[in-house]
Amino acid sequence: MSPPLGLQAVGEALAARAAEEEGNAMKALENRTLDSKREMDIMAALDELQTLNKRQARVDTEAALAALHRSAAVDDDDQARRLKSRSARVRLRGFLYPKNL
């Protein structure tokens, strides 16, 4: 039975890389540098995921819903205040600049 295509492709890529690096110290150093950078990026992403998971684990559903309701109430109050202010400006404008009919 032949190996899965993914493993076969990886093996071919590694063989090509080894052949490319053979006798070329600079290319070997570049590849090691790229490998190290890739590993650091992976470790940073894993650390970020772990931090996010810890933060999400501390979230209390009831507290989150309560905060959401408080935010909605504040938004409603702000919207009502803006409407009152706009209504007052429209009435004042009508008083200051009456239309002659």
C-alpha atoms as a PDB file:
ATOM      1  CA  MET A   1       0.000   0.000   0.000  1.00  0.00           C
ATOM      2  CA  SER A   2       1.379   3.438  -0.936  1.00  0.00           C
ATOM      3  CA  PRO A   3       1.546   6.297   1.581  1.00  0.00           C
ATOM      4  CA  PRO A   4      -1.199   8.939   1.498  1.00  0.00           C
ATOM      5  CA  LEU A   5      -0.643  11.760  -0.972  1.00  0.00           C
ATOM      6  CA  GLY A   6      -0.015  14.316   1.780  1.00  0.00           C
ATOM      7  CA  LEU A   7       2.769  12.257   3.347  1.00  0.00           C
ATOM      8  CA  GLN A   8       4.258  11.455  -0.041  1.00  0.00           C
ATOM      9  CA  ALA A   9       4.327  15.153  -0.969  1.00  0.00           C
ATOM     10  CA  VAL A  10       5.996  16.031   2.336  1.00  0.00           C
ATOM     11  CA  GLY A  11       8.597  13.334   1.814  1.00  0.00           C
ATOM     12  CA  GLU A  12       9.321  14.578  -1.700  1.00  0.00           C
ATOM     13  CA  ALA A  13       9.615  18.160  -0.485  1.00  0.00           C
ATOM     14  CA  LEU A  14      12.048  17.130   2.265  1.00  0.00           C
ATOM     15  CA  ALA A  15      14.143  15.156  -0.208  1.00  0.00           C
ATOM     16  CA  ALA A  16      14.251  18.108  -2.613  1.00  0.00           C
ATOM     17  CA  ARG A  17      15.227  20.425   0.217  1.00  0.00           C
ATOM     18  CA  ALA A  18      18.016  18.129   1.378  1.00  0.00           C
ATOM     19  CA  ALA A  19      19.346  17.919  -2.185  1.00  0.00           C
ATOM     20  CA  GLU A  20      19.196  21.708  -2.511  1.00  0.00           C
ATOM     21  CA  GLU A  21      21.050  22.242   0.772  1.00  0.00           C
ATOM     22  CA  GLU A  22      23.759  19.693  -0.008  1.00  0.00           C
ATOM     23  CA  GLY A  23      26.985  21.604  -0.496  1.00  0.00           C
ATOM     24  CA  ASN A  24      25.254  24.977  -0.050  1.00  0.00           C
ATOM     25  CA  ALA A  25      25.743  26.163   3.521  1.00  0.00           C
ATOM     26  CA  MET A  26      24.006  29.473   2.856  1.00  0.00           C
ATOM     27  CA  LYS A  27      20.832  27.766   1.633  1.00  0.00           C
ATOM     28  CA  ALA A  28      20.892  25.460   4.671  1.00  0.00           C
ATOM     29  CA  LEU A  29      21.189  28.477   6.969  1.00  0.00           C
ATOM     30  CA  GLU A  30      18.310  30.248   5.176  1.00  0.00           C
ATOM     31  CA  ASN A  31      16.105  27.172   5.514  1.00  0.00           C
ATOM     32  CA  ARG A  32      16.922  26.807   9.226  1.00  0.00           C
ATOM     33  CA  THR A  33      16.122  30.500   9.710  1.00  0.00           C
ATOM     34  CA  LEU A  34      12.770  30.071   7.950  1.00  0.00           C
ATOM     35  CA  ASP A  35      12.029  26.980  10.051  1.00  0.00           C
ATOM     36  CA  SER A  36      12.808  28.880  13.247  1.00  0.00           C
ATOM     37  CA  LYS A  37      10.608  31.798  12.200  1.00  0.00           C
ATOM     38  CA  ARG A  38       7.763  29.417  11.342  1.00  0.00           C
ATOM     39  CA  GLU A  39       8.109  27.701  14.739  1.00  0.00           C
ATOM     40  CA  MET A  40       8.059  31.057  16.556  1.00  0.00           C
ATOM     41  CA  ASP A  41       4.940  32.121  14.631  1.00  0.00           C
ATOM     42  CA  ILE A  42       3.229  28.844  15.531  1.00  0.00           C
ATOM     43  CA  MET A  43       4.186  29.212  19.191  1.00  0.00           C
ATOM     44  CA  ALA A  44       2.888  32.794  19.242  1.00  0.00           C
ATOM     45  CA  ALA A  45      -0.411  31.691  17.684  1.00  0.00           C
ATOM     46  CA  LEU A  46      -0.748  28.863  20.204  1.00  0.00           C
ATOM     47  CA  ASP A  47      -0.029  31.246  23.074  1.00  0.00           C
ATOM     48  CA  GLU A  48      -2.652  33.659  21.756  1.00  0.00           C
ATOM     49  CA  LEU A  49      -5.214  30.840  21.500  1.00  0.00           C
ATOM     50  CA  GLN A  50      -4.449  29.677  25.032  1.00  0.00           C
ATOM     51  CA  THR A  51      -4.852  33.212  26.361  1.00  0.00           C
ATOM     52  CA  LEU A  52      -8.143  33.606  24.507  1.00  0.00           C
ATOM     53  CA  ASN A  53      -9.408  30.261  25.809  1.00  0.00           C
ATOM     54  CA  LYS A  54      -8.507  31.214  29.396  1.00  0.00           C
ATOM     55  CA  ARG A  55     -10.290  34.546  29.024  1.00  0.00           C
ATOM     56  CA  GLN A  56     -13.385  32.878  27.582  1.00  0.00           C
ATOM     57  CA  ALA A  57     -13.394  30.293  30.366  1.00  0.00           C
ATOM     58  CA  ARG A  58     -13.662  33.100  32.927  1.00  0.00           C
ATOM     59  CA  VAL A  59     -16.700  34.680  31.271  1.00  0.00           C
ATOM     60  CA  ASP A  60     -19.895  34.129  33.243  1.00  0.00           C
ATOM     61  CA  THR A  61     -22.906  33.812  30.949  1.00  0.00           C
ATOM     62  CA  GLU A  62     -25.253  35.570  33.344  1.00  0.00           C
ATOM     63  CA  ALA A  63     -22.838  38.456  33.839  1.00  0.00           C
ATOM     64  CA  ALA A  64     -22.370  38.808  30.074  1.00  0.00           C
ATOM     65  CA  LEU A  65     -26.144  38.922  29.506  1.00  0.00           C
ATOM     66  CA  ALA A  66     -26.577  41.469  32.297  1.00  0.00           C
ATOM     67  CA  ALA A  67     -23.872  43.673  30.751  1.00  0.00           C
ATOM     68  CA  LEU A  68     -25.554  43.372  27.368  1.00  0.00           C
ATOM     69  CA  HIS A  69     -28.914  44.443  28.834  1.00  0.00           C
ATOM     70  CA  ARG A  70     -27.285  47.403  30.602  1.00  0.00           C
ATOM     71  CA  SER A  71     -25.633  48.447  27.355  1.00  0.00           C
ATOM     72  CA  ALA A  72     -28.939  48.218  25.477  1.00  0.00           C
ATOM     73  CA  ALA A  73     -30.646  50.339  28.138  1.00  0.00           C
ATOM     74  CA  VAL A  74     -27.947  53.002  27.893  1.00  0.00           C
ATOM     75  CA  ASP A  75     -28.246  52.986  24.094  1.00  0.00           C
ATOM     76  CA  ASP A  76     -32.025  53.420  24.361  1.00  0.00           C
ATOM     77  CA  ASP A  77     -31.586  56.355  26.766  1.00  0.00           C
ATOM     78  CA  ASP A  78     -29.056  57.986  24.446  1.00  0.00           C
ATOM     79  CA  GLN A  79     -31.315  57.555  21.439  1.00  0.00           C
ATOM     80  CA  ALA A  80     -34.277  59.061  23.314  1.00  0.00           C
ATOM     81  CA  ARG A  81     -32.122  62.008  24.382  1.00  0.00           C
ATOM     82  CA  ARG A  82     -30.969  62.605  20.800  1.00  0.00           C
ATOM     83  CA  LEU A  83     -34.539  62.495  19.511  1.00  0.00           C
ATOM     84  CA  LYS A  84     -35.691  65.006  22.126  1.00  0.00           C
ATOM     85  CA  SER A  85     -32.793  67.302  21.269  1.00  0.00           C
ATOM     86  CA  ARG A  86     -33.515  67.086  17.545  1.00  0.00           C
ATOM     87  CA  SER A  87     -37.205  67.708  18.138  1.00  0.00           C
ATOM     88  CA  ALA A  88     -36.381  70.789  20.198  1.00  0.00           C
ATOM     89  CA  ARG A  89     -34.067  72.113  17.474  1.00  0.00           C
ATOM     90  CA  VAL A  90     -36.738  71.616  14.821  1.00  0.00           C
ATOM     91  CA  ARG A  91     -39.336  73.465  16.931  1.00  0.00           C
ATOM     92  CA  LEU A  92     -36.891  76.298  17.644  1.00  0.00           C
ATOM     93  CA  ARG A  93     -36.032  76.595  13.956  1.00  0.00           C
ATOM     94  CA  GLY A  94     -39.752  76.783  13.154  1.00  0.00           C
ATOM     95  CA  PHE A  95     -40.178  79.509  15.754  1.00  0.00           C
ATOM     96  CA  LEU A  96     -37.168  81.542  14.582  1.00  0.00           C
ATOM     97  CA  TYR A  97     -37.835  81.128  10.862  1.00  0.00           C
ATOM     98  CA  PRO A  98     -41.601  80.887  10.377  1.00  0.00           C
ATOM     99  CA  LYS A  99     -42.821  80.210   6.875  1.00  0.00           C
ATOM    100  CA  ASN A 100     -45.105  82.808   5.337  1.00  0.00           C
ATOM    101  CA  LEU A 101     -48.054  81.001   3.845  1.00  0.00           C
END
